[in-house]
Amino acid sequence: MKLWKKIFLLIGLIILVLLGLTARKFLIFTQLDNKNKVQQANTNVYAKVETQFYTVEMYRKGDCVKQVIYKTNQDVILTQLTRPDCRIFYTDDGKEKTRKIYQEQFLIENQNIIANYMNYFTLGEKIISSIGSQIRSEIADGKECYVISGYNTNFVYDANAKEYKLYIDKQTGLMVKLIEIIEEEGTLQEKINTYEYQFDCVTNEDVAELDSEEYTLVENE
C-alpha cells in the first residue's frame, strides 16, 4: 500500500474514533438530561446547595417555593417565598427583620429548584460540549457518577479557573457536586459546591409564611 493511502487511512480511522467518542458523550448528555427532567417533574422537593460563601435550602410543594439563604460567617438569613399570586422577601441581618411583598403573578413551573447542567439551549451548544468535554466514571459521596470536565458551554468559567469537574449521579441525573480549581496568587485552590435532594418530604409548614409579627413590612420602592 502506498504511503499516501496509509496516511489517509490513518486519518480516516482517527476521525471515526473521534466521532465515536463525541457520539458517546452526546448520548450520555441526553440520557442525563432526560433523567434529570423526570426528577424535575416532582412537585414535592427539598434541595440543598452548599458553597464556601453560602448555603441555600429550597423547598417546593405544589405551587409554593421557598428559598432560604444562609451567608457563611455572617448573621444574615435571606428568605424568598414564591406563590402564584405573590412573592415575599424576608431579611434577617441579626439586628433587624424586614419583609417586602410583591403582588404579581408568577409561574411556579419556572421555579425549578433542581440544577441541570445537561440542558442545552441549542443543538450546536450540545455538539460543541460533546466535542470539548471529557467524561469518566467515579464514586462520589457513595454514588456512581459521571465526572464531566473540559470545555462545556453550560459552565460559567471564572477568569482564574483552571478546571471544572461536574459530578452527576448516573442513576438519577442529579448533581452531586461541582469542583472548580482556580489559581489565586500562584496557588491552586478548590472551590466545591455540593448538592443534596430529597423527594416527597416537604410539608405545608416548610413553605409557610414567616411570622409577620416578627418582620417589619417595608414598602416597595
N, C-alpha and C. Protein backbone atom coordinates (compact mmCIF):
# COMPACT_ATOMS: atom_id res chain seq x y z
N MET A 1 0.84 -1.19 0.00
CA MET A 1 0.00 0.00 0.00
C MET A 1 0.88 1.25 0.00
N LYS A 2 0.52 2.20 -0.84
CA LYS A 2 1.31 3.41 -0.94
C LYS A 2 1.19 4.23 0.35
N LEU A 3 2.23 5.05 0.58
CA LEU A 3 2.31 5.82 1.81
C LEU A 3 1.13 6.77 1.97
N TRP A 4 0.76 7.44 0.86
CA TRP A 4 -0.33 8.41 0.96
C TRP A 4 -1.65 7.74 1.31
N LYS A 5 -1.83 6.48 0.85
CA LYS A 5 -3.04 5.74 1.18
C LYS A 5 -3.06 5.38 2.67
N LYS A 6 -1.86 5.01 3.16
CA LYS A 6 -1.77 4.69 4.58
C LYS A 6 -2.10 5.92 5.44
N ILE A 7 -1.62 7.07 5.00
CA ILE A 7 -1.86 8.30 5.74
C ILE A 7 -3.35 8.62 5.76
N PHE A 8 -4.01 8.53 4.59
CA PHE A 8 -5.45 8.81 4.52
C PHE A 8 -6.25 7.81 5.35
N LEU A 9 -5.80 6.53 5.34
CA LEU A 9 -6.47 5.50 6.13
C LEU A 9 -6.35 5.81 7.61
N LEU A 10 -5.14 6.22 8.02
CA LEU A 10 -4.92 6.56 9.43
C LEU A 10 -5.77 7.77 9.84
N ILE A 11 -5.81 8.78 8.98
CA ILE A 11 -6.62 9.96 9.27
C ILE A 11 -8.09 9.59 9.38
N GLY A 12 -8.55 8.72 8.46
CA GLY A 12 -9.94 8.27 8.49
C GLY A 12 -10.27 7.53 9.77
N LEU A 13 -9.34 6.68 10.24
CA LEU A 13 -9.57 5.93 11.48
C LEU A 13 -9.63 6.88 12.68
N ILE A 14 -8.74 7.88 12.68
CA ILE A 14 -8.75 8.86 13.78
C ILE A 14 -10.06 9.62 13.81
N ILE A 15 -10.55 10.03 12.64
CA ILE A 15 -11.82 10.76 12.56
C ILE A 15 -12.97 9.89 13.06
N LEU A 16 -12.96 8.60 12.67
CA LEU A 16 -14.02 7.70 13.12
C LEU A 16 -14.01 7.52 14.64
N VAL A 17 -12.80 7.41 15.21
CA VAL A 17 -12.68 7.27 16.66
C VAL A 17 -13.20 8.52 17.36
N LEU A 18 -12.82 9.70 16.85
CA LEU A 18 -13.27 10.96 17.45
C LEU A 18 -14.79 11.11 17.34
N LEU A 19 -15.34 10.72 16.19
CA LEU A 19 -16.79 10.78 16.02
C LEU A 19 -17.50 9.84 16.99
N GLY A 20 -16.90 8.65 17.18
CA GLY A 20 -17.49 7.69 18.11
C GLY A 20 -17.48 8.20 19.54
N LEU A 21 -16.36 8.80 19.95
CA LEU A 21 -16.26 9.35 21.30
C LEU A 21 -17.23 10.51 21.50
N THR A 22 -17.33 11.36 20.49
CA THR A 22 -18.26 12.50 20.57
C THR A 22 -19.70 12.02 20.64
N ALA A 23 -20.03 11.01 19.84
CA ALA A 23 -21.39 10.46 19.85
C ALA A 23 -21.72 9.85 21.21
N ARG A 24 -20.74 9.19 21.81
CA ARG A 24 -20.95 8.59 23.14
C ARG A 24 -21.25 9.68 24.16
N LYS A 25 -20.47 10.75 24.17
CA LYS A 25 -20.69 11.85 25.13
C LYS A 25 -22.03 12.52 24.87
N PHE A 26 -22.38 12.70 23.60
CA PHE A 26 -23.67 13.31 23.24
C PHE A 26 -24.81 12.45 23.80
N LEU A 27 -24.70 11.14 23.67
CA LEU A 27 -25.72 10.23 24.18
C LEU A 27 -25.81 10.28 25.70
N ILE A 28 -24.65 10.33 26.38
CA ILE A 28 -24.64 10.41 27.84
C ILE A 28 -25.30 11.71 28.30
N PHE A 29 -24.97 12.83 27.65
CA PHE A 29 -25.59 14.11 27.99
C PHE A 29 -27.11 14.03 27.85
N THR A 30 -27.57 13.40 26.77
CA THR A 30 -29.01 13.28 26.52
C THR A 30 -29.68 12.44 27.60
N GLN A 31 -29.05 11.32 27.95
CA GLN A 31 -29.62 10.45 28.98
C GLN A 31 -29.69 11.15 30.33
N LEU A 32 -28.63 11.86 30.70
CA LEU A 32 -28.61 12.57 31.98
C LEU A 32 -29.66 13.67 32.01
N ASP A 33 -29.82 14.38 30.90
CA ASP A 33 -30.82 15.43 30.80
C ASP A 33 -32.22 14.86 30.98
N ASN A 34 -32.50 13.76 30.31
CA ASN A 34 -33.83 13.13 30.41
C ASN A 34 -34.11 12.64 31.84
N LYS A 35 -33.11 12.04 32.48
CA LYS A 35 -33.29 11.56 33.86
C LYS A 35 -33.52 12.73 34.81
N ASN A 36 -32.78 13.81 34.60
CA ASN A 36 -32.94 14.99 35.44
C ASN A 36 -34.34 15.57 35.31
N LYS A 37 -34.87 15.61 34.09
CA LYS A 37 -36.20 16.19 33.87
C LYS A 37 -37.30 15.34 34.50
N VAL A 38 -37.06 14.04 34.62
CA VAL A 38 -38.01 13.18 35.33
C VAL A 38 -38.08 13.62 36.79
N GLN A 39 -36.92 13.93 37.38
CA GLN A 39 -36.88 14.40 38.77
C GLN A 39 -37.55 15.77 38.90
N GLN A 40 -37.35 16.63 37.90
CA GLN A 40 -37.94 17.96 37.94
C GLN A 40 -39.46 17.93 37.93
N ALA A 41 -40.03 16.86 37.40
CA ALA A 41 -41.49 16.75 37.33
C ALA A 41 -42.12 16.56 38.71
N ASN A 42 -41.31 16.18 39.70
CA ASN A 42 -41.82 16.00 41.05
C ASN A 42 -42.08 17.38 41.67
N THR A 43 -43.24 17.59 42.22
CA THR A 43 -43.61 18.89 42.79
C THR A 43 -43.46 18.94 44.31
N ASN A 44 -42.83 17.92 44.88
CA ASN A 44 -42.53 17.93 46.31
C ASN A 44 -41.05 17.61 46.46
N VAL A 45 -40.25 18.67 46.57
CA VAL A 45 -38.79 18.52 46.53
C VAL A 45 -38.12 19.40 47.57
N TYR A 46 -37.11 18.83 48.23
CA TYR A 46 -36.21 19.60 49.08
C TYR A 46 -34.83 19.56 48.44
N ALA A 47 -34.18 20.71 48.32
CA ALA A 47 -32.85 20.78 47.74
C ALA A 47 -31.95 21.62 48.63
N LYS A 48 -30.68 21.24 48.68
CA LYS A 48 -29.71 21.98 49.47
C LYS A 48 -28.42 22.12 48.68
N VAL A 49 -27.92 23.34 48.60
CA VAL A 49 -26.66 23.62 47.90
C VAL A 49 -25.73 24.31 48.89
N GLU A 50 -24.53 23.76 49.04
CA GLU A 50 -23.55 24.34 49.94
C GLU A 50 -22.32 24.79 49.17
N THR A 51 -21.89 26.03 49.39
CA THR A 51 -20.66 26.55 48.80
C THR A 51 -19.83 27.16 49.93
N GLN A 52 -18.66 27.68 49.59
CA GLN A 52 -17.83 28.28 50.63
C GLN A 52 -18.37 29.64 51.07
N PHE A 53 -19.30 30.21 50.30
CA PHE A 53 -19.82 31.53 50.61
C PHE A 53 -21.22 31.51 51.23
N TYR A 54 -22.00 30.48 50.94
CA TYR A 54 -23.37 30.44 51.42
C TYR A 54 -23.93 29.02 51.36
N THR A 55 -25.03 28.83 52.07
CA THR A 55 -25.82 27.60 51.98
C THR A 55 -27.24 27.98 51.61
N VAL A 56 -27.80 27.27 50.64
CA VAL A 56 -29.18 27.53 50.21
C VAL A 56 -30.02 26.28 50.43
N GLU A 57 -31.14 26.45 51.14
CA GLU A 57 -32.12 25.39 51.27
C GLU A 57 -33.36 25.80 50.50
N MET A 58 -33.86 24.89 49.68
CA MET A 58 -35.02 25.18 48.84
C MET A 58 -36.10 24.12 49.05
N TYR A 59 -37.33 24.61 49.12
CA TYR A 59 -38.48 23.72 49.34
C TYR A 59 -39.51 24.00 48.25
N ARG A 60 -40.02 22.95 47.67
CA ARG A 60 -41.14 23.11 46.75
C ARG A 60 -42.23 22.12 47.12
N LYS A 61 -43.41 22.66 47.25
CA LYS A 61 -44.60 21.82 47.50
C LYS A 61 -45.74 22.39 46.67
N GLY A 62 -46.12 21.67 45.63
CA GLY A 62 -47.20 22.13 44.75
C GLY A 62 -46.86 23.45 44.12
N ASP A 63 -47.68 24.49 44.39
CA ASP A 63 -47.48 25.79 43.76
C ASP A 63 -46.77 26.79 44.68
N CYS A 64 -46.03 26.27 45.66
CA CYS A 64 -45.27 27.15 46.56
C CYS A 64 -43.79 26.75 46.55
N VAL A 65 -42.92 27.77 46.52
CA VAL A 65 -41.48 27.54 46.56
C VAL A 65 -40.86 28.48 47.58
N LYS A 66 -40.08 27.93 48.49
CA LYS A 66 -39.36 28.76 49.47
C LYS A 66 -37.86 28.51 49.33
N GLN A 67 -37.10 29.61 49.33
CA GLN A 67 -35.64 29.54 49.28
C GLN A 67 -35.09 30.28 50.50
N VAL A 68 -34.19 29.63 51.21
CA VAL A 68 -33.57 30.23 52.40
C VAL A 68 -32.06 30.23 52.20
N ILE A 69 -31.46 31.43 52.28
CA ILE A 69 -30.02 31.59 52.06
C ILE A 69 -29.35 31.97 53.37
N TYR A 70 -28.34 31.18 53.75
CA TYR A 70 -27.53 31.47 54.92
C TYR A 70 -26.13 31.86 54.44
N LYS A 71 -25.71 33.08 54.72
CA LYS A 71 -24.39 33.53 54.29
C LYS A 71 -23.34 33.05 55.28
N THR A 72 -22.24 32.50 54.74
CA THR A 72 -21.17 31.96 55.57
C THR A 72 -20.52 33.06 56.40
N ASN A 73 -20.34 32.77 57.70
CA ASN A 73 -19.67 33.68 58.63
C ASN A 73 -20.40 35.02 58.78
N GLN A 74 -21.68 35.04 58.47
CA GLN A 74 -22.48 36.25 58.65
C GLN A 74 -23.81 35.88 59.29
N ASP A 75 -24.30 36.77 60.16
CA ASP A 75 -25.61 36.54 60.78
C ASP A 75 -26.71 37.07 59.88
N VAL A 76 -26.73 36.59 58.65
CA VAL A 76 -27.71 37.06 57.67
C VAL A 76 -28.48 35.87 57.11
N ILE A 77 -29.79 35.97 57.17
CA ILE A 77 -30.66 34.94 56.59
C ILE A 77 -31.62 35.62 55.62
N LEU A 78 -31.59 35.21 54.37
CA LEU A 78 -32.49 35.75 53.36
C LEU A 78 -33.48 34.67 52.96
N THR A 79 -34.75 35.02 52.96
CA THR A 79 -35.80 34.04 52.62
C THR A 79 -36.68 34.62 51.53
N GLN A 80 -36.96 33.78 50.54
CA GLN A 80 -37.87 34.18 49.47
C GLN A 80 -38.97 33.13 49.35
N LEU A 81 -40.21 33.58 49.46
CA LEU A 81 -41.36 32.70 49.32
C LEU A 81 -42.13 33.09 48.06
N THR A 82 -42.27 32.17 47.14
CA THR A 82 -42.96 32.45 45.88
C THR A 82 -44.24 31.62 45.79
N ARG A 83 -45.34 32.34 45.54
CA ARG A 83 -46.65 31.72 45.31
C ARG A 83 -47.20 32.24 43.99
N PRO A 84 -48.24 31.62 43.47
CA PRO A 84 -48.75 32.06 42.16
C PRO A 84 -49.16 33.53 42.11
N ASP A 85 -49.58 34.09 43.25
CA ASP A 85 -50.10 35.46 43.25
C ASP A 85 -49.17 36.49 43.90
N CYS A 86 -48.07 36.04 44.50
CA CYS A 86 -47.20 37.00 45.16
C CYS A 86 -45.83 36.39 45.43
N ARG A 87 -44.90 37.29 45.78
CA ARG A 87 -43.56 36.88 46.19
C ARG A 87 -43.17 37.72 47.40
N ILE A 88 -42.70 37.06 48.45
CA ILE A 88 -42.35 37.75 49.69
C ILE A 88 -40.87 37.56 49.97
N PHE A 89 -40.16 38.67 50.23
CA PHE A 89 -38.75 38.64 50.57
C PHE A 89 -38.58 38.97 52.05
N TYR A 90 -37.93 38.09 52.78
CA TYR A 90 -37.65 38.31 54.19
C TYR A 90 -36.15 38.51 54.38
N THR A 91 -35.77 39.48 55.20
CA THR A 91 -34.36 39.71 55.51
C THR A 91 -34.18 39.74 57.02
N ASP A 92 -33.22 38.94 57.50
CA ASP A 92 -32.88 38.91 58.92
C ASP A 92 -31.36 39.07 59.02
N ASP A 93 -30.91 40.26 59.41
CA ASP A 93 -29.47 40.52 59.49
C ASP A 93 -28.93 40.40 60.91
N GLY A 94 -29.73 39.82 61.79
CA GLY A 94 -29.31 39.65 63.17
C GLY A 94 -29.68 40.83 64.06
N LYS A 95 -29.99 41.96 63.42
CA LYS A 95 -30.38 43.15 64.17
C LYS A 95 -31.81 43.58 63.85
N GLU A 96 -32.18 43.39 62.59
CA GLU A 96 -33.49 43.83 62.14
C GLU A 96 -34.08 42.78 61.20
N LYS A 97 -35.40 42.62 61.31
CA LYS A 97 -36.12 41.70 60.43
C LYS A 97 -37.13 42.49 59.61
N THR A 98 -37.03 42.36 58.29
CA THR A 98 -37.96 43.09 57.41
C THR A 98 -38.53 42.14 56.36
N ARG A 99 -39.62 42.59 55.74
CA ARG A 99 -40.21 41.81 54.64
C ARG A 99 -40.79 42.76 53.61
N LYS A 100 -40.73 42.33 52.36
CA LYS A 100 -41.32 43.05 51.24
C LYS A 100 -42.25 42.10 50.50
N ILE A 101 -43.39 42.61 50.06
CA ILE A 101 -44.37 41.79 49.35
C ILE A 101 -44.57 42.35 47.95
N TYR A 102 -44.45 41.49 46.95
CA TYR A 102 -44.68 41.88 45.56
C TYR A 102 -45.92 41.13 45.06
N GLN A 103 -46.98 41.88 44.80
CA GLN A 103 -48.23 41.28 44.34
C GLN A 103 -48.19 41.15 42.82
N GLU A 104 -47.72 40.03 42.36
CA GLU A 104 -47.62 39.76 40.93
C GLU A 104 -47.99 38.32 40.66
N GLN A 105 -48.19 38.01 39.40
CA GLN A 105 -48.45 36.64 39.00
C GLN A 105 -47.14 35.94 38.66
N PHE A 106 -46.92 34.77 39.23
CA PHE A 106 -45.69 34.02 38.99
C PHE A 106 -46.04 32.61 38.53
N LEU A 107 -45.28 32.13 37.55
CA LEU A 107 -45.44 30.76 37.08
C LEU A 107 -44.54 29.86 37.90
N ILE A 108 -45.14 29.05 38.75
CA ILE A 108 -44.37 28.18 39.62
C ILE A 108 -43.60 27.14 38.80
N GLU A 109 -44.11 26.82 37.61
CA GLU A 109 -43.42 25.86 36.75
C GLU A 109 -42.01 26.34 36.42
N ASN A 110 -41.81 27.66 36.45
CA ASN A 110 -40.49 28.20 36.15
C ASN A 110 -39.58 28.25 37.37
N GLN A 111 -40.14 27.92 38.54
CA GLN A 111 -39.36 27.96 39.77
C GLN A 111 -38.72 26.60 40.03
N ASN A 112 -37.93 26.13 39.08
CA ASN A 112 -37.29 24.83 39.23
C ASN A 112 -36.13 24.92 40.21
N ILE A 113 -36.08 24.02 41.17
CA ILE A 113 -35.01 24.08 42.16
C ILE A 113 -34.00 22.95 41.97
N ILE A 114 -34.12 22.20 40.89
CA ILE A 114 -33.17 21.12 40.61
C ILE A 114 -32.22 21.56 39.51
N ALA A 115 -30.93 21.63 39.82
CA ALA A 115 -29.93 22.07 38.84
C ALA A 115 -29.77 21.03 37.73
N ASN A 116 -29.61 21.52 36.50
CA ASN A 116 -29.44 20.63 35.35
C ASN A 116 -28.43 21.25 34.39
N TYR A 117 -27.20 20.78 34.44
CA TYR A 117 -26.15 21.29 33.57
C TYR A 117 -26.14 20.61 32.21
N MET A 118 -27.01 19.65 32.00
CA MET A 118 -27.04 18.93 30.73
C MET A 118 -28.17 19.40 29.81
N ASN A 119 -28.85 20.47 30.20
CA ASN A 119 -29.93 21.01 29.40
C ASN A 119 -29.38 22.17 28.56
N TYR A 120 -29.22 21.94 27.26
CA TYR A 120 -28.61 22.94 26.38
C TYR A 120 -29.67 23.71 25.61
N PHE A 121 -29.38 24.99 25.35
CA PHE A 121 -30.32 25.83 24.63
C PHE A 121 -30.44 25.41 23.16
N THR A 122 -29.33 25.02 22.56
CA THR A 122 -29.34 24.68 21.14
C THR A 122 -28.60 23.36 20.91
N LEU A 123 -28.88 22.75 19.77
CA LEU A 123 -28.19 21.52 19.39
C LEU A 123 -26.71 21.80 19.19
N GLY A 124 -26.39 22.98 18.64
CA GLY A 124 -25.00 23.33 18.41
C GLY A 124 -24.19 23.37 19.70
N GLU A 125 -24.77 23.95 20.76
CA GLU A 125 -24.09 24.00 22.05
C GLU A 125 -23.83 22.60 22.58
N LYS A 126 -24.80 21.74 22.39
CA LYS A 126 -24.66 20.36 22.87
C LYS A 126 -23.56 19.63 22.12
N ILE A 127 -23.48 19.84 20.81
CA ILE A 127 -22.44 19.20 19.99
C ILE A 127 -21.06 19.73 20.38
N ILE A 128 -20.94 21.05 20.54
CA ILE A 128 -19.67 21.65 20.94
C ILE A 128 -19.21 21.11 22.30
N SER A 129 -20.16 21.01 23.24
CA SER A 129 -19.82 20.49 24.56
C SER A 129 -19.43 19.01 24.50
N SER A 130 -20.06 18.27 23.61
CA SER A 130 -19.72 16.86 23.44
C SER A 130 -18.30 16.71 22.90
N ILE A 131 -17.90 17.62 22.04
CA ILE A 131 -16.55 17.58 21.48
C ILE A 131 -15.51 18.01 22.53
N GLY A 132 -15.83 19.08 23.28
CA GLY A 132 -14.86 19.67 24.19
C GLY A 132 -14.77 19.04 25.56
N SER A 133 -15.75 18.23 25.95
CA SER A 133 -15.78 17.67 27.30
C SER A 133 -15.06 16.33 27.38
N GLN A 134 -14.64 16.02 28.59
CA GLN A 134 -14.14 14.67 28.90
C GLN A 134 -15.07 14.05 29.94
N ILE A 135 -15.28 12.75 29.84
CA ILE A 135 -16.17 12.05 30.77
C ILE A 135 -15.46 10.80 31.30
N ARG A 136 -15.56 10.64 32.61
CA ARG A 136 -15.08 9.39 33.23
C ARG A 136 -16.05 9.01 34.35
N SER A 137 -15.91 7.81 34.87
CA SER A 137 -16.76 7.33 35.96
C SER A 137 -16.00 7.37 37.28
N GLU A 138 -16.73 7.69 38.35
CA GLU A 138 -16.10 7.77 39.67
C GLU A 138 -17.18 7.67 40.75
N ILE A 139 -16.83 7.10 41.90
CA ILE A 139 -17.73 7.06 43.03
C ILE A 139 -17.54 8.34 43.85
N ALA A 140 -18.64 9.07 44.09
CA ALA A 140 -18.58 10.30 44.87
C ALA A 140 -19.74 10.31 45.85
N ASP A 141 -19.42 10.50 47.12
CA ASP A 141 -20.44 10.52 48.18
C ASP A 141 -21.32 9.27 48.14
N GLY A 142 -20.69 8.14 47.82
CA GLY A 142 -21.40 6.87 47.79
C GLY A 142 -22.24 6.64 46.56
N LYS A 143 -22.16 7.54 45.57
CA LYS A 143 -22.96 7.42 44.35
C LYS A 143 -22.05 7.20 43.15
N GLU A 144 -22.50 6.35 42.22
CA GLU A 144 -21.76 6.14 40.98
C GLU A 144 -22.05 7.30 40.05
N CYS A 145 -21.02 8.06 39.72
CA CYS A 145 -21.21 9.31 38.99
C CYS A 145 -20.43 9.34 37.68
N TYR A 146 -20.93 10.16 36.76
CA TYR A 146 -20.13 10.61 35.64
C TYR A 146 -19.43 11.90 36.09
N VAL A 147 -18.14 11.98 35.81
CA VAL A 147 -17.39 13.20 36.09
C VAL A 147 -17.12 13.88 34.76
N ILE A 148 -17.67 15.07 34.59
CA ILE A 148 -17.58 15.79 33.32
C ILE A 148 -16.66 16.98 33.51
N SER A 149 -15.64 17.06 32.67
CA SER A 149 -14.68 18.16 32.76
C SER A 149 -14.38 18.66 31.35
N GLY A 150 -13.38 19.55 31.23
CA GLY A 150 -13.07 20.11 29.92
C GLY A 150 -13.97 21.28 29.59
N TYR A 151 -14.14 21.53 28.30
CA TYR A 151 -14.96 22.67 27.88
C TYR A 151 -16.41 22.27 27.73
N ASN A 152 -17.30 23.06 28.37
CA ASN A 152 -18.73 22.81 28.29
C ASN A 152 -19.43 24.16 28.26
N THR A 153 -20.33 24.38 27.32
CA THR A 153 -20.98 25.68 27.17
C THR A 153 -21.87 26.03 28.36
N ASN A 154 -22.23 25.04 29.18
CA ASN A 154 -23.07 25.31 30.35
C ASN A 154 -22.27 25.69 31.59
N PHE A 155 -20.93 25.61 31.51
CA PHE A 155 -20.10 26.00 32.64
C PHE A 155 -19.87 27.50 32.61
N VAL A 156 -19.93 28.12 33.77
CA VAL A 156 -19.61 29.55 33.89
C VAL A 156 -18.18 29.64 34.40
N TYR A 157 -17.26 29.98 33.51
CA TYR A 157 -15.85 29.92 33.84
C TYR A 157 -15.36 31.19 34.53
N ASP A 158 -14.75 31.02 35.71
CA ASP A 158 -14.09 32.12 36.39
C ASP A 158 -12.83 32.49 35.62
N ALA A 159 -12.45 33.76 35.70
CA ALA A 159 -11.27 34.22 34.95
C ALA A 159 -10.01 33.46 35.36
N ASN A 160 -9.96 33.01 36.62
CA ASN A 160 -8.78 32.31 37.12
C ASN A 160 -8.98 30.79 37.16
N ALA A 161 -10.07 30.32 36.58
CA ALA A 161 -10.37 28.89 36.64
C ALA A 161 -9.42 28.08 35.76
N LYS A 162 -8.93 27.00 36.32
CA LYS A 162 -8.06 26.09 35.58
C LYS A 162 -8.80 24.82 35.14
N GLU A 163 -9.80 24.44 35.92
CA GLU A 163 -10.53 23.21 35.60
C GLU A 163 -11.86 23.18 36.32
N TYR A 164 -12.88 22.62 35.66
CA TYR A 164 -14.18 22.36 36.26
C TYR A 164 -14.41 20.85 36.24
N LYS A 165 -14.92 20.32 37.33
CA LYS A 165 -15.30 18.91 37.38
C LYS A 165 -16.71 18.81 37.94
N LEU A 166 -17.60 18.32 37.11
CA LEU A 166 -19.01 18.21 37.46
C LEU A 166 -19.35 16.74 37.71
N TYR A 167 -19.89 16.45 38.90
CA TYR A 167 -20.24 15.08 39.26
C TYR A 167 -21.77 14.93 39.19
N ILE A 168 -22.22 14.00 38.36
CA ILE A 168 -23.66 13.77 38.18
C ILE A 168 -23.97 12.29 38.43
N ASP A 169 -24.97 12.05 39.25
CA ASP A 169 -25.41 10.69 39.56
C ASP A 169 -25.89 10.00 38.29
N LYS A 170 -25.31 8.85 37.99
CA LYS A 170 -25.68 8.12 36.78
C LYS A 170 -27.13 7.66 36.79
N GLN A 171 -27.62 7.30 37.97
CA GLN A 171 -28.96 6.72 38.07
C GLN A 171 -30.06 7.76 37.96
N THR A 172 -29.83 8.95 38.52
CA THR A 172 -30.90 9.94 38.61
C THR A 172 -30.69 11.17 37.73
N GLY A 173 -29.45 11.41 37.29
CA GLY A 173 -29.16 12.63 36.54
C GLY A 173 -29.05 13.85 37.43
N LEU A 174 -29.02 13.65 38.76
CA LEU A 174 -28.95 14.77 39.70
C LEU A 174 -27.50 15.16 39.99
N MET A 175 -27.29 16.45 40.20
CA MET A 175 -25.98 16.95 40.57
C MET A 175 -25.57 16.40 41.93
N VAL A 176 -24.30 16.04 42.06
CA VAL A 176 -23.75 15.61 43.34
C VAL A 176 -22.80 16.68 43.86
N LYS A 177 -21.89 17.13 43.01
CA LYS A 177 -21.01 18.24 43.40
C LYS A 177 -20.34 18.83 42.17
N LEU A 178 -19.85 20.05 42.35
CA LEU A 178 -19.12 20.77 41.32
C LEU A 178 -17.83 21.27 41.93
N ILE A 179 -16.71 20.89 41.35
CA ILE A 179 -15.40 21.31 41.83
C ILE A 179 -14.79 22.26 40.81
N GLU A 180 -14.43 23.44 41.28
CA GLU A 180 -13.78 24.44 40.44
C GLU A 180 -12.36 24.64 40.97
N ILE A 181 -11.39 24.38 40.13
CA ILE A 181 -9.99 24.57 40.51
C ILE A 181 -9.53 25.91 39.95
N ILE A 182 -9.15 26.81 40.86
CA ILE A 182 -8.75 28.15 40.44
C ILE A 182 -7.34 28.46 40.93
N GLU A 183 -6.72 29.43 40.30
CA GLU A 183 -5.39 29.87 40.70
C GLU A 183 -5.48 31.26 41.30
N GLU A 184 -5.06 31.39 42.54
CA GLU A 184 -5.05 32.68 43.22
C GLU A 184 -3.66 32.92 43.81
N GLU A 185 -3.04 33.98 43.33
CA GLU A 185 -1.70 34.35 43.78
C GLU A 185 -0.73 33.20 43.63
N GLY A 186 -0.82 32.52 42.49
CA GLY A 186 0.11 31.44 42.18
C GLY A 186 -0.17 30.12 42.85
N THR A 187 -1.28 30.04 43.61
CA THR A 187 -1.63 28.81 44.33
C THR A 187 -2.94 28.26 43.81
N LEU A 188 -3.00 26.95 43.56
CA LEU A 188 -4.22 26.31 43.11
C LEU A 188 -5.11 25.99 44.30
N GLN A 189 -6.37 26.34 44.18
CA GLN A 189 -7.33 26.08 45.24
C GLN A 189 -8.59 25.45 44.66
N GLU A 190 -9.27 24.69 45.48
CA GLU A 190 -10.53 24.06 45.07
C GLU A 190 -11.71 24.78 45.70
N LYS A 191 -12.69 25.10 44.87
CA LYS A 191 -13.98 25.58 45.35
C LYS A 191 -14.99 24.47 45.09
N ILE A 192 -15.65 24.02 46.12
CA ILE A 192 -16.53 22.87 46.00
C ILE A 192 -17.97 23.26 46.33
N ASN A 193 -18.87 22.97 45.42
CA ASN A 193 -20.31 23.11 45.66
C ASN A 193 -20.89 21.71 45.78
N THR A 194 -21.65 21.46 46.83
CA THR A 194 -22.30 20.16 46.99
C THR A 194 -23.81 20.31 46.87
N TYR A 195 -24.46 19.26 46.39
CA TYR A 195 -25.90 19.29 46.13
C TYR A 195 -26.55 18.10 46.82
N GLU A 196 -27.70 18.36 47.41
CA GLU A 196 -28.48 17.31 48.08
C GLU A 196 -29.94 17.45 47.70
N TYR A 197 -30.59 16.33 47.43
CA TYR A 197 -32.01 16.35 47.06
C TYR A 197 -32.78 15.29 47.84
N GLN A 198 -33.98 15.65 48.27
CA GLN A 198 -34.91 14.71 48.88
C GLN A 198 -36.29 14.94 48.28
N PHE A 199 -37.05 13.88 48.16
CA PHE A 199 -38.35 13.98 47.48
C PHE A 199 -39.48 13.50 48.39
N ASP A 200 -40.66 14.13 48.17
CA ASP A 200 -41.89 13.77 48.90
C ASP A 200 -41.71 13.88 50.41
N CYS A 201 -41.03 14.94 50.83
CA CYS A 201 -40.79 15.14 52.27
C CYS A 201 -41.18 16.54 52.73
N VAL A 202 -41.50 17.45 51.80
CA VAL A 202 -41.80 18.84 52.14
C VAL A 202 -43.23 18.96 52.67
N THR A 203 -43.38 19.64 53.80
CA THR A 203 -44.70 19.81 54.42
C THR A 203 -45.22 21.23 54.20
N ASN A 204 -46.47 21.45 54.54
CA ASN A 204 -47.05 22.80 54.44
C ASN A 204 -46.30 23.79 55.32
N GLU A 205 -45.82 23.33 56.46
CA GLU A 205 -45.07 24.19 57.37
C GLU A 205 -43.77 24.67 56.73
N ASP A 206 -43.15 23.80 55.93
CA ASP A 206 -41.88 24.16 55.28
C ASP A 206 -42.04 25.33 54.32
N VAL A 207 -43.21 25.46 53.70
CA VAL A 207 -43.42 26.53 52.71
C VAL A 207 -44.38 27.59 53.22
N ALA A 208 -44.57 27.64 54.53
CA ALA A 208 -45.47 28.63 55.11
C ALA A 208 -44.79 29.99 55.21
N GLU A 209 -45.60 31.05 55.33
CA GLU A 209 -45.06 32.38 55.55
C GLU A 209 -44.39 32.45 56.92
N LEU A 210 -43.36 33.30 57.04
CA LEU A 210 -42.75 33.52 58.34
C LEU A 210 -43.66 34.41 59.18
N ASP A 211 -43.43 34.43 60.47
CA ASP A 211 -44.29 35.17 61.40
C ASP A 211 -44.27 36.66 61.05
N SER A 212 -45.39 37.19 60.59
CA SER A 212 -45.46 38.59 60.16
C SER A 212 -45.23 39.56 61.31
N GLU A 213 -45.48 39.12 62.55
CA GLU A 213 -45.28 40.00 63.69
C GLU A 213 -43.80 40.22 63.99
N GLU A 214 -42.97 39.30 63.52
CA GLU A 214 -41.53 39.43 63.76
C GLU A 214 -40.84 40.26 62.69
N TYR A 215 -41.48 40.42 61.52
CA TYR A 215 -40.85 41.10 60.39
C TYR A 215 -41.59 42.39 60.07
N THR A 216 -40.85 43.49 60.04
CA THR A 216 -41.44 44.79 59.73
C THR A 216 -41.70 44.89 58.22
N LEU A 217 -42.91 45.28 57.85
CA LEU A 217 -43.25 45.40 56.44
C LEU A 217 -42.62 46.67 55.86
N VAL A 218 -41.88 46.50 54.77
CA VAL A 218 -41.24 47.62 54.07
C VAL A 218 -41.93 47.82 52.74
N GLU A 219 -42.31 49.05 52.44
CA GLU A 219 -42.98 49.34 51.18
C GLU A 219 -42.02 49.21 50.01
N ASN A 220 -42.54 48.72 48.88
CA ASN A 220 -41.71 48.60 47.67
C ASN A 220 -41.40 49.97 47.11
N GLU A 221 -40.19 50.12 46.62
CA GLU A 221 -39.79 51.41 46.06
C GLU A 221 -40.33 51.57 44.64
